[in-house]
Amino acid sequence: MNQPVIDALEKVRQQFDQAPYPRIPLEQSPKDDATRLYTHSLVTAFYLRNQQIINTQGAVILDAGCGTGYKSLMLAEANPGATIVGVDLSSESVKLAEQRLKHYDFHNAEFHAISIEDLPSLKLQFDYINADEVLYLLPDPVAGLQAMRSVLKPNGIIRTNFHSALQRMIYFRAQAFFKSVGLMGGTTQDEDIELVRQTMRSLKNHVFLKSTVWNPNFETDDEIVLANYLLQGDKGWTIPEFFAAMRAADLEFISMVNWRKWDLLSLFTDIEELPISVTLEIGEKSAEEQLHLFELLHPVDRLLDLWCGHPHEGMPYTPVAEWTADSWQTAYAHLHPQLKTAALKEDLIACITQSSPFEISRHLKIVDEPVSIDSFMAGCLLPLLEQPQPVTALAQRWQMLRPFNPVTLEPTTLENAFERVQQLLTTLESLGYILLECPA
């Protein structure tokens, strides 16, 4: 590494040695945070790429930029049986990460105070790399991506993200201002934080920076002042810049992590009202181009958060929406592991018993709108809590639960039951609650 890069990394290291991040108490566990565990599960990303279920037992997972280890703990909770390896520039952060994992009896973990660029020195290959909230701090993000690619197994997956240049624009301007007036360059962090607060209080209320991104939380929370106004090395990208970096690192885009929220057409109230020329143009755009159009219209996410991997290593499959009748006859349904909880089972049984709708999104919020299932259809999901089920078995269960059409009193045929179950599973699979496998 050249001297400017070394100097930049040293500034980042000093900042996080002084203020290890995140400042989450050791006693706070993510064990019951199903939504965040879902994102940190290799099962989620592997299924999206390959439409297959992976067993995390024995997987080797890297937390790149592990900080104080809270996300390392998430990775351990979300991927039973996996070995967790954490790396971070800050030796103080690494010490706290080691303590956190030991506190929760995860002993199959190790931590190293090294840079991401030095990953090859570990002489390990990883099934999954979590590089969350770190890429935008690197002096050379492409070099960071290349280093992670070099230690990624052929079918491995990287989850990484970058600050959105469009959503974070005003914070980058704030950082430029405070750097220009002498902050972020020599005084202690506590002094810098207080100088930011004094400056912001002194601004007139109508000044754009104060009126849009300053709120009472900044007066009491040091961490968010550092993360937004004084973050060393912070930078933003657009979708085209992110994709260009992946290509430069020889990585292939898999999916946005919150892919359901990146549907360009969902931004319009009625697609039929769009000019036909616009609709046709959108339809001809690549996935990258559609994502960029989305961020131009609606840059609300702080992070451009995605999964990527080695090019051409994804397993070929037929999307569920295109399955034939024969495919459905041999298919198996799995409940996502993060839904297999005692709380969900209790709620599911209560809804079935009381003939009330089952709101599955209460247990795993991966879409903005509530997702409910009627009690009879919910009854079909009960066996999935124990083990995967053939779709044919779930159809037979539906036929037993609803032996007659409640309107016509005609007997429910197996064909009718199969159609209803197929509709339910297709919907839940598209949302990420159900995983469907079709044996070759």
Protein backbone atom coordinates (compact mmCIF):
# COMPACT_ATOMS: atom_id res chain seq x y z
CA MET A 1 0.00 0.00 0.00
CA ASN A 2 1.23 3.51 -0.77
CA GLN A 3 1.74 6.11 1.96
CA PRO A 4 -1.50 8.11 1.39
CA VAL A 5 -3.53 4.90 1.75
CA ILE A 6 -1.60 3.93 4.90
CA ASP A 7 -2.18 7.40 6.36
CA ALA A 8 -5.92 7.27 5.57
CA LEU A 9 -6.27 3.84 7.16
CA GLU A 10 -4.40 5.07 10.22
CA LYS A 11 -6.90 7.91 10.70
CA VAL A 12 -9.76 5.42 10.51
CA ARG A 13 -7.99 3.09 12.97
CA GLN A 14 -7.41 5.93 15.42
CA GLN A 15 -11.03 7.01 15.27
CA PHE A 16 -12.34 3.54 16.09
CA ASP A 17 -9.66 2.85 18.72
CA GLN A 18 -10.86 5.99 20.50
CA ALA A 19 -14.54 5.17 19.97
CA PRO A 20 -15.10 1.45 19.25
CA TYR A 21 -18.27 0.89 17.21
CA PRO A 22 -21.01 -0.05 17.71
CA ARG A 23 -21.47 0.93 21.36
CA ILE A 24 -23.97 -1.81 22.09
CA PRO A 25 -23.92 -3.19 25.66
CA LEU A 26 -22.55 -6.71 26.10
CA GLU A 27 -25.86 -7.78 27.64
CA GLN A 28 -27.87 -6.84 24.52
CA SER A 29 -28.43 -9.87 22.30
CA PRO A 30 -29.77 -10.01 18.72
CA LYS A 31 -31.10 -13.53 19.30
CA ASP A 32 -34.76 -12.50 19.04
CA ASP A 33 -34.29 -9.99 16.22
CA ALA A 34 -35.52 -12.31 13.47
CA THR A 35 -35.49 -9.61 10.78
CA ARG A 36 -31.81 -8.76 11.19
CA LEU A 37 -30.85 -12.42 11.62
CA TYR A 38 -32.66 -13.10 8.33
CA THR A 39 -30.36 -10.61 6.56
CA HIS A 40 -27.26 -12.14 8.18
CA SER A 41 -28.24 -15.72 7.30
CA LEU A 42 -26.27 -17.45 4.56
CA VAL A 43 -29.48 -19.43 3.89
CA THR A 44 -31.21 -16.25 2.65
CA ALA A 45 -28.49 -15.19 0.22
CA PHE A 46 -27.70 -18.73 -1.01
CA TYR A 47 -31.36 -19.41 -1.80
CA LEU A 48 -31.73 -16.14 -3.70
CA ARG A 49 -28.77 -17.02 -5.89
CA ASN A 50 -29.32 -20.76 -6.32
CA GLN A 51 -32.89 -21.60 -5.23
CA GLN A 52 -31.38 -24.24 -2.97
CA ILE A 53 -31.16 -24.64 0.81
CA ILE A 54 -27.70 -24.66 2.37
CA ASN A 55 -26.75 -26.18 5.73
CA THR A 56 -24.63 -23.68 7.65
CA GLN A 57 -23.02 -26.39 9.80
CA GLY A 58 -19.27 -26.18 9.14
CA ALA A 59 -19.47 -23.00 7.06
CA VAL A 60 -16.66 -20.48 7.51
CA ILE A 61 -17.97 -16.92 7.72
CA LEU A 62 -15.96 -13.70 7.73
CA ASP A 63 -17.12 -10.51 9.42
CA ALA A 64 -14.97 -7.92 7.63
CA GLY A 65 -14.80 -4.76 9.71
CA CYS A 66 -16.29 -6.54 12.70
CA GLY A 67 -16.02 -3.59 15.11
CA THR A 68 -17.07 -4.58 18.61
CA GLY A 69 -18.60 -7.83 17.35
CA TYR A 70 -22.34 -7.23 17.51
CA LYS A 71 -22.78 -8.29 13.90
CA SER A 72 -20.34 -11.16 14.44
CA LEU A 73 -22.75 -12.30 17.13
CA MET A 74 -25.65 -11.95 14.67
CA LEU A 75 -23.76 -14.10 12.16
CA ALA A 76 -23.17 -16.75 14.83
CA GLU A 77 -26.84 -16.75 15.87
CA ALA A 78 -28.13 -16.75 12.27
CA ASN A 79 -25.80 -19.51 11.02
CA PRO A 80 -25.78 -22.43 13.50
CA GLY A 81 -22.59 -24.46 13.45
CA ALA A 82 -20.57 -21.94 11.45
CA THR A 83 -17.07 -20.72 12.33
CA ILE A 84 -16.96 -16.95 12.65
CA VAL A 85 -13.79 -15.03 11.78
CA GLY A 86 -13.72 -11.29 12.47
CA VAL A 87 -11.18 -8.73 11.28
CA ASP A 88 -10.95 -5.04 12.09
CA LEU A 89 -8.32 -2.31 11.95
CA SER A 90 -9.03 -1.35 15.55
CA SER A 91 -7.36 -3.63 18.10
CA GLU A 92 -9.59 -2.13 20.82
CA SER A 93 -12.68 -3.12 18.87
CA VAL A 94 -11.34 -6.64 18.31
CA LYS A 95 -10.85 -7.12 22.05
CA LEU A 96 -14.49 -6.21 22.66
CA ALA A 97 -15.64 -8.53 19.86
CA GLU A 98 -13.79 -11.46 21.43
CA GLN A 99 -15.42 -10.72 24.78
CA ARG A 100 -18.89 -10.52 23.20
CA LEU A 101 -18.73 -13.90 21.47
CA LYS A 102 -17.29 -15.62 24.56
CA HIS A 103 -20.01 -14.05 26.72
CA TYR A 104 -22.61 -15.88 24.59
CA ASP A 105 -20.62 -19.14 24.55
CA PHE A 106 -19.68 -18.98 20.88
CA HIS A 107 -16.20 -20.42 21.08
CA ASN A 108 -15.91 -21.32 17.39
CA ALA A 109 -14.79 -17.78 16.61
CA GLU A 110 -11.54 -15.91 16.14
CA PHE A 111 -10.65 -12.25 15.66
CA HIS A 112 -7.70 -10.44 14.09
CA ALA A 113 -6.64 -6.80 14.14
CA ILE A 114 -5.74 -6.50 10.45
CA SER A 115 -6.95 -4.54 7.44
CA ILE A 116 -9.26 -6.03 4.83
CA GLU A 117 -6.45 -5.70 2.29
CA ASP A 118 -4.43 -8.15 4.42
CA LEU A 119 -7.08 -10.90 4.39
CA PRO A 120 -4.95 -13.30 2.30
CA SER A 121 -2.51 -13.48 5.24
CA LEU A 122 -5.13 -15.50 7.18
CA LYS A 123 -4.82 -18.33 4.61
CA LEU A 124 -8.56 -19.06 4.91
CA GLN A 125 -11.35 -19.40 2.36
CA PHE A 126 -14.85 -18.27 3.24
CA ASP A 127 -18.36 -19.43 2.37
CA TYR A 128 -19.82 -16.05 3.28
CA ILE A 129 -18.33 -12.61 3.85
CA ASN A 130 -20.24 -9.93 5.72
CA ALA A 131 -18.65 -6.54 4.92
CA ASP A 132 -21.33 -4.37 6.47
CA GLU A 133 -20.77 -0.62 6.99
CA VAL A 134 -17.08 -0.83 6.08
CA LEU A 135 -16.52 -0.48 2.32
CA TYR A 136 -17.19 3.26 2.30
CA LEU A 137 -14.41 3.79 4.87
CA LEU A 138 -11.67 2.18 2.77
CA PRO A 139 -9.28 4.51 0.90
CA ASP A 140 -9.51 2.13 -2.08
CA PRO A 141 -12.85 0.26 -1.99
CA VAL A 142 -12.05 -1.71 -5.16
CA ALA A 143 -8.88 -3.06 -3.52
CA GLY A 144 -11.04 -4.08 -0.57
CA LEU A 145 -13.46 -5.92 -2.85
CA GLN A 146 -10.55 -7.62 -4.63
CA ALA A 147 -9.09 -8.76 -1.30
CA MET A 148 -12.44 -10.24 -0.25
CA ARG A 149 -12.85 -11.93 -3.63
CA SER A 150 -9.41 -13.54 -3.24
CA VAL A 151 -10.50 -15.36 -0.06
CA LEU A 152 -14.04 -16.25 -1.22
CA LYS A 153 -14.84 -19.87 -2.07
CA PRO A 154 -16.03 -20.44 -5.66
CA ASN A 155 -19.72 -20.58 -4.66
CA GLY A 156 -19.29 -18.13 -1.77
CA ILE A 157 -21.26 -14.92 -1.33
CA ILE A 158 -20.28 -11.43 -0.19
CA ARG A 159 -22.74 -9.10 1.49
CA THR A 160 -21.46 -5.54 1.28
CA ASN A 161 -22.75 -2.01 1.09
CA PHE A 162 -21.82 1.57 0.40
CA HIS A 163 -23.25 4.88 1.47
CA SER A 164 -25.67 6.26 -1.08
CA ALA A 165 -24.20 9.39 -2.66
CA LEU A 166 -27.73 10.68 -3.37
CA GLN A 167 -29.28 9.99 0.03
CA ARG A 168 -26.24 11.11 2.06
CA MET A 169 -25.33 14.19 0.01
CA ILE A 170 -26.12 16.68 2.76
CA TYR A 171 -24.01 14.78 5.33
CA PHE A 172 -21.04 14.76 2.96
CA ARG A 173 -21.41 18.54 2.67
CA ALA A 174 -21.52 18.79 6.49
CA GLN A 175 -18.35 16.68 6.77
CA ALA A 176 -16.61 18.90 4.21
CA PHE A 177 -17.59 22.00 6.18
CA PHE A 178 -16.35 20.70 9.54
CA LYS A 179 -13.13 19.40 8.01
CA SER A 180 -12.53 22.81 6.40
CA VAL A 181 -12.89 24.58 9.74
CA GLY A 182 -10.36 22.37 11.50
CA LEU A 183 -12.32 19.46 12.90
CA MET A 184 -11.52 15.77 12.15
CA GLY A 185 -7.82 16.49 12.22
CA GLY A 186 -6.10 16.54 15.58
CA THR A 187 -8.40 17.43 18.46
CA THR A 188 -9.97 14.66 20.51
CA GLN A 189 -13.28 13.22 19.37
CA ASP A 190 -15.07 14.55 22.46
CA GLU A 191 -13.88 18.07 21.63
CA ASP A 192 -14.89 17.68 17.97
CA ILE A 193 -18.36 16.45 18.92
CA GLU A 194 -18.94 19.40 21.22
CA LEU A 195 -17.69 21.84 18.56
CA VAL A 196 -20.16 20.36 16.07
CA ARG A 197 -22.98 20.80 18.55
CA GLN A 198 -22.01 24.39 19.34
CA THR A 199 -21.80 25.21 15.64
CA MET A 200 -25.18 23.66 14.86
CA ARG A 201 -26.84 25.45 17.76
CA SER A 202 -25.40 28.73 16.47
CA LEU A 203 -26.95 28.32 13.01
CA LYS A 204 -30.23 30.03 12.28
CA ASN A 205 -33.12 27.59 12.20
CA HIS A 206 -33.87 28.14 8.51
CA VAL A 207 -30.36 27.14 7.40
CA PHE A 208 -30.75 24.06 5.21
CA LEU A 209 -28.33 21.77 7.09
CA LYS A 210 -29.93 22.52 10.45
CA SER A 211 -33.52 22.36 9.27
CA THR A 212 -33.14 19.05 7.42
CA VAL A 213 -30.72 16.78 9.28
CA TRP A 214 -30.25 18.11 12.79
CA ASN A 215 -32.53 16.78 15.50
CA PRO A 216 -32.56 16.47 19.31
CA ASN A 217 -30.89 13.04 19.18
CA PHE A 218 -27.67 14.67 18.03
CA GLU A 219 -27.54 16.64 21.28
CA THR A 220 -27.24 13.50 23.41
CA ASP A 221 -25.91 10.69 21.20
CA ASP A 222 -22.18 11.01 20.50
CA GLU A 223 -22.13 7.99 18.23
CA ILE A 224 -24.52 9.39 15.64
CA VAL A 225 -22.63 12.70 15.55
CA LEU A 226 -19.44 10.80 14.78
CA ALA A 227 -21.16 8.56 12.21
CA ASN A 228 -22.76 11.44 10.32
CA TYR A 229 -20.70 14.60 10.78
CA LEU A 230 -17.18 13.42 11.67
CA LEU A 231 -16.74 10.00 10.04
CA GLN A 232 -13.19 9.58 8.76
CA GLY A 233 -13.01 8.35 5.17
CA ASP A 234 -16.76 8.48 4.57
CA LYS A 235 -17.78 8.55 0.92
CA GLY A 236 -20.80 7.74 -1.25
CA TRP A 237 -21.51 5.98 -4.52
CA THR A 238 -24.37 5.69 -6.95
CA ILE A 239 -25.57 2.35 -8.32
CA PRO A 240 -23.53 2.70 -11.57
CA GLU A 241 -20.39 3.45 -9.53
CA PHE A 242 -21.03 0.43 -7.29
CA PHE A 243 -21.53 -1.87 -10.27
CA ALA A 244 -18.38 -0.50 -11.92
CA ALA A 245 -16.43 -1.30 -8.74
CA MET A 246 -17.79 -4.86 -8.70
CA ARG A 247 -16.78 -5.35 -12.32
CA ALA A 248 -13.31 -3.97 -11.55
CA ALA A 249 -13.03 -6.53 -8.74
CA ASP A 250 -14.38 -9.30 -11.01
CA LEU A 251 -17.51 -9.82 -8.92
CA GLU A 252 -21.05 -10.50 -10.08
CA PHE A 253 -24.17 -8.81 -8.69
CA ILE A 254 -26.63 -11.24 -7.11
CA SER A 255 -29.35 -9.15 -5.49
CA MET A 256 -30.06 -6.14 -3.34
CA VAL A 257 -30.35 -7.26 0.27
CA ASN A 258 -33.76 -5.57 0.63
CA TRP A 259 -34.70 -6.51 -2.94
CA ARG A 260 -38.46 -6.18 -2.39
CA LYS A 261 -38.07 -2.42 -1.84
CA TRP A 262 -36.13 -1.85 -5.07
CA ASP A 263 -38.95 -2.55 -7.52
CA LEU A 264 -38.98 0.44 -9.86
CA LEU A 265 -42.57 -0.06 -11.01
CA SER A 266 -43.80 -0.11 -7.39
CA LEU A 267 -43.07 3.63 -7.22
CA PHE A 268 -45.99 4.39 -9.53
CA THR A 269 -49.61 4.46 -8.42
CA ASP A 270 -50.87 3.03 -11.70
CA ILE A 271 -48.55 1.64 -14.37
CA GLU A 272 -51.35 2.05 -16.90
CA GLU A 273 -51.09 5.82 -16.51
CA LEU A 274 -47.41 5.88 -17.48
CA PRO A 275 -46.68 7.05 -21.03
CA ILE A 276 -46.27 3.92 -23.12
CA SER A 277 -42.87 5.11 -24.34
CA VAL A 278 -41.63 5.34 -20.73
CA THR A 279 -43.02 1.89 -19.89
CA LEU A 280 -41.29 0.37 -22.92
CA GLU A 281 -37.99 2.06 -22.07
CA ILE A 282 -38.12 0.79 -18.49
CA GLY A 283 -38.86 -2.74 -19.69
CA GLU A 284 -35.72 -2.75 -21.84
CA LYS A 285 -33.40 -1.64 -19.04
CA SER A 286 -30.95 -4.02 -17.36
CA ALA A 287 -31.18 -4.78 -13.64
CA GLU A 288 -28.41 -2.25 -12.98
CA GLU A 289 -30.15 0.44 -15.02
CA GLN A 290 -33.49 -0.15 -13.31
CA LEU A 291 -31.86 0.11 -9.88
CA HIS A 292 -30.24 3.39 -10.90
CA LEU A 293 -33.57 4.77 -12.12
CA PHE A 294 -35.05 3.78 -8.76
CA GLU A 295 -32.37 5.66 -6.79
CA LEU A 296 -32.82 8.73 -8.99
CA LEU A 297 -36.53 8.81 -8.13
CA HIS A 298 -36.47 7.59 -4.54
CA PRO A 299 -33.07 7.74 -2.76
CA VAL A 300 -34.40 7.01 0.73
CA ASP A 301 -32.00 4.25 1.77
CA ARG A 302 -28.78 5.31 3.47
CA LEU A 303 -27.04 2.18 2.21
CA LEU A 304 -26.76 0.58 -1.20
CA ASP A 305 -26.79 -2.91 0.29
CA LEU A 306 -26.22 -5.95 -1.93
CA TRP A 307 -24.96 -9.51 -2.35
CA CYS A 308 -22.34 -10.43 -4.92
CA GLY A 309 -20.06 -13.36 -5.75
CA HIS A 310 -17.73 -14.91 -8.30
CA PRO A 311 -19.08 -14.56 -11.85
CA HIS A 312 -20.98 -17.51 -13.35
CA GLU A 313 -20.91 -19.57 -10.14
CA GLY A 314 -24.63 -19.41 -9.45
CA MET A 315 -26.53 -22.65 -10.02
CA PRO A 316 -29.01 -22.57 -12.91
CA TYR A 317 -32.66 -22.86 -11.90
CA THR A 318 -36.17 -22.14 -13.12
CA PRO A 319 -37.98 -19.36 -11.21
CA VAL A 320 -40.94 -20.63 -9.21
CA ALA A 321 -43.33 -18.51 -11.29
CA GLU A 322 -42.28 -20.58 -14.33
CA TRP A 323 -42.53 -24.05 -12.77
CA THR A 324 -44.45 -26.72 -14.64
CA ALA A 325 -47.06 -28.96 -13.04
CA ASP A 326 -44.45 -31.73 -12.89
CA SER A 327 -42.08 -29.44 -10.97
CA TRP A 328 -44.74 -28.72 -8.37
CA GLN A 329 -45.48 -32.42 -7.96
CA THR A 330 -41.90 -33.10 -6.86
CA ALA A 331 -41.25 -29.84 -4.95
CA TYR A 332 -40.49 -29.47 -1.24
CA ALA A 333 -41.40 -26.48 0.90
CA HIS A 334 -39.18 -25.16 3.71
CA LEU A 335 -40.01 -22.54 6.31
CA HIS A 336 -37.17 -20.03 6.56
CA PRO A 337 -35.04 -20.97 9.60
CA GLN A 338 -35.61 -17.58 11.24
CA LEU A 339 -39.33 -18.38 11.47
CA LYS A 340 -38.82 -21.60 13.40
CA THR A 341 -39.37 -20.09 16.83
CA ALA A 342 -41.45 -21.02 19.84
CA ALA A 343 -43.25 -17.66 19.63
CA LEU A 344 -44.34 -18.25 16.04
CA LYS A 345 -45.51 -21.78 16.81
CA GLU A 346 -47.60 -20.55 19.74
CA ASP A 347 -49.12 -17.75 17.67
CA LEU A 348 -49.78 -20.05 14.70
CA ILE A 349 -51.57 -22.65 16.83
CA ALA A 350 -53.64 -19.93 18.54
CA CYS A 351 -54.75 -18.51 15.17
CA ILE A 352 -55.67 -21.96 13.87
CA THR A 353 -57.56 -22.80 17.05
CA GLN A 354 -59.42 -19.48 17.11
CA SER A 355 -60.02 -19.39 13.32
CA SER A 356 -58.33 -15.99 13.12
CA PRO A 357 -55.89 -14.72 10.47
CA PHE A 358 -52.22 -15.47 11.06
CA GLU A 359 -50.02 -12.39 10.57
CA ILE A 360 -46.70 -13.95 9.62
CA SER A 361 -45.03 -10.54 9.23
CA ARG A 362 -45.29 -10.02 13.02
CA HIS A 363 -42.56 -12.62 13.39
CA LEU A 364 -40.38 -11.56 10.46
CA LYS A 365 -40.81 -8.06 9.07
CA ILE A 366 -39.25 -8.24 5.63
CA VAL A 367 -41.91 -6.21 3.82
CA ASP A 368 -43.51 -2.92 4.82
CA GLU A 369 -47.12 -4.10 4.61
CA PRO A 370 -48.64 -6.67 6.98
CA VAL A 371 -48.78 -10.20 5.54
CA SER A 372 -51.67 -12.30 6.83
CA ILE A 373 -52.86 -15.83 6.04
CA ASP A 374 -56.32 -17.18 6.78
CA SER A 375 -56.48 -19.80 9.52
CA PHE A 376 -57.12 -22.75 7.19
CA MET A 377 -54.16 -21.90 4.97
CA ALA A 378 -52.06 -21.29 8.08
CA GLY A 379 -52.92 -24.81 9.16
CA CYS A 380 -50.99 -26.07 6.12
CA LEU A 381 -47.81 -24.39 7.41
CA LEU A 382 -47.79 -26.11 10.80
CA PRO A 383 -45.85 -29.24 9.69
CA LEU A 384 -43.10 -27.00 8.26
CA LEU A 385 -42.08 -26.04 11.79
CA GLU A 386 -40.81 -29.60 12.25
CA GLN A 387 -39.30 -30.36 8.85
CA PRO A 388 -39.59 -29.62 5.10
CA GLN A 389 -42.70 -31.06 3.46
CA PRO A 390 -43.58 -32.23 -0.05
CA VAL A 391 -46.02 -29.80 -1.62
CA THR A 392 -48.26 -32.79 -2.36
CA ALA A 393 -48.45 -33.53 1.39
CA LEU A 394 -49.44 -29.93 2.12
CA ALA A 395 -52.18 -30.16 -0.53
CA GLN A 396 -53.51 -33.33 1.10
CA ARG A 397 -53.50 -31.54 4.44
CA TRP A 398 -55.52 -28.65 2.97
CA GLN A 399 -58.01 -31.14 1.55
CA MET A 400 -58.50 -32.59 5.03
CA LEU A 401 -58.79 -29.14 6.62
CA ARG A 402 -61.38 -27.96 4.05
CA PRO A 403 -63.14 -31.13 2.82
CA PHE A 404 -66.03 -29.09 1.38
CA ASN A 405 -66.45 -25.83 -0.47
CA PRO A 406 -68.18 -23.59 2.11
CA VAL A 407 -70.37 -21.99 -0.58
CA THR A 408 -71.36 -24.90 -2.84
CA LEU A 409 -70.78 -27.72 -0.32
CA GLU A 410 -69.09 -29.62 -3.12
CA PRO A 411 -66.25 -31.90 -1.96
CA THR A 412 -62.78 -30.35 -2.20
CA THR A 413 -60.82 -32.24 -4.83
CA LEU A 414 -57.10 -32.82 -4.51
CA GLU A 415 -56.67 -30.71 -7.63
CA ASN A 416 -58.49 -27.79 -5.96
CA ALA A 417 -56.43 -28.21 -2.81
CA PHE A 418 -53.17 -28.34 -4.76
CA GLU A 419 -54.07 -25.12 -6.58
CA ARG A 420 -54.78 -23.27 -3.32
CA VAL A 421 -51.56 -24.46 -1.68
CA GLN A 422 -49.57 -23.60 -4.79
CA GLN A 423 -50.93 -20.04 -4.72
CA LEU A 424 -50.06 -19.65 -1.03
CA LEU A 425 -46.53 -21.01 -1.41
CA THR A 426 -45.84 -18.92 -4.52
CA THR A 427 -46.80 -15.74 -2.67
CA LEU A 428 -44.84 -16.56 0.48
CA GLU A 429 -41.80 -17.62 -1.57
CA SER A 430 -41.79 -14.33 -3.49
CA LEU A 431 -41.74 -12.48 -0.15
CA GLY A 432 -38.98 -14.65 1.33
CA TYR A 433 -40.91 -16.51 4.04
CA ILE A 434 -41.00 -19.88 2.28
CA LEU A 435 -38.14 -21.55 0.41
CA LEU A 436 -39.07 -23.99 -2.38
CA GLU A 437 -36.84 -26.68 -3.82
CA CYS A 438 -37.49 -28.78 -6.89
CA PRO A 439 -35.24 -31.86 -7.09
CA ALA A 440 -33.49 -32.22 -10.44
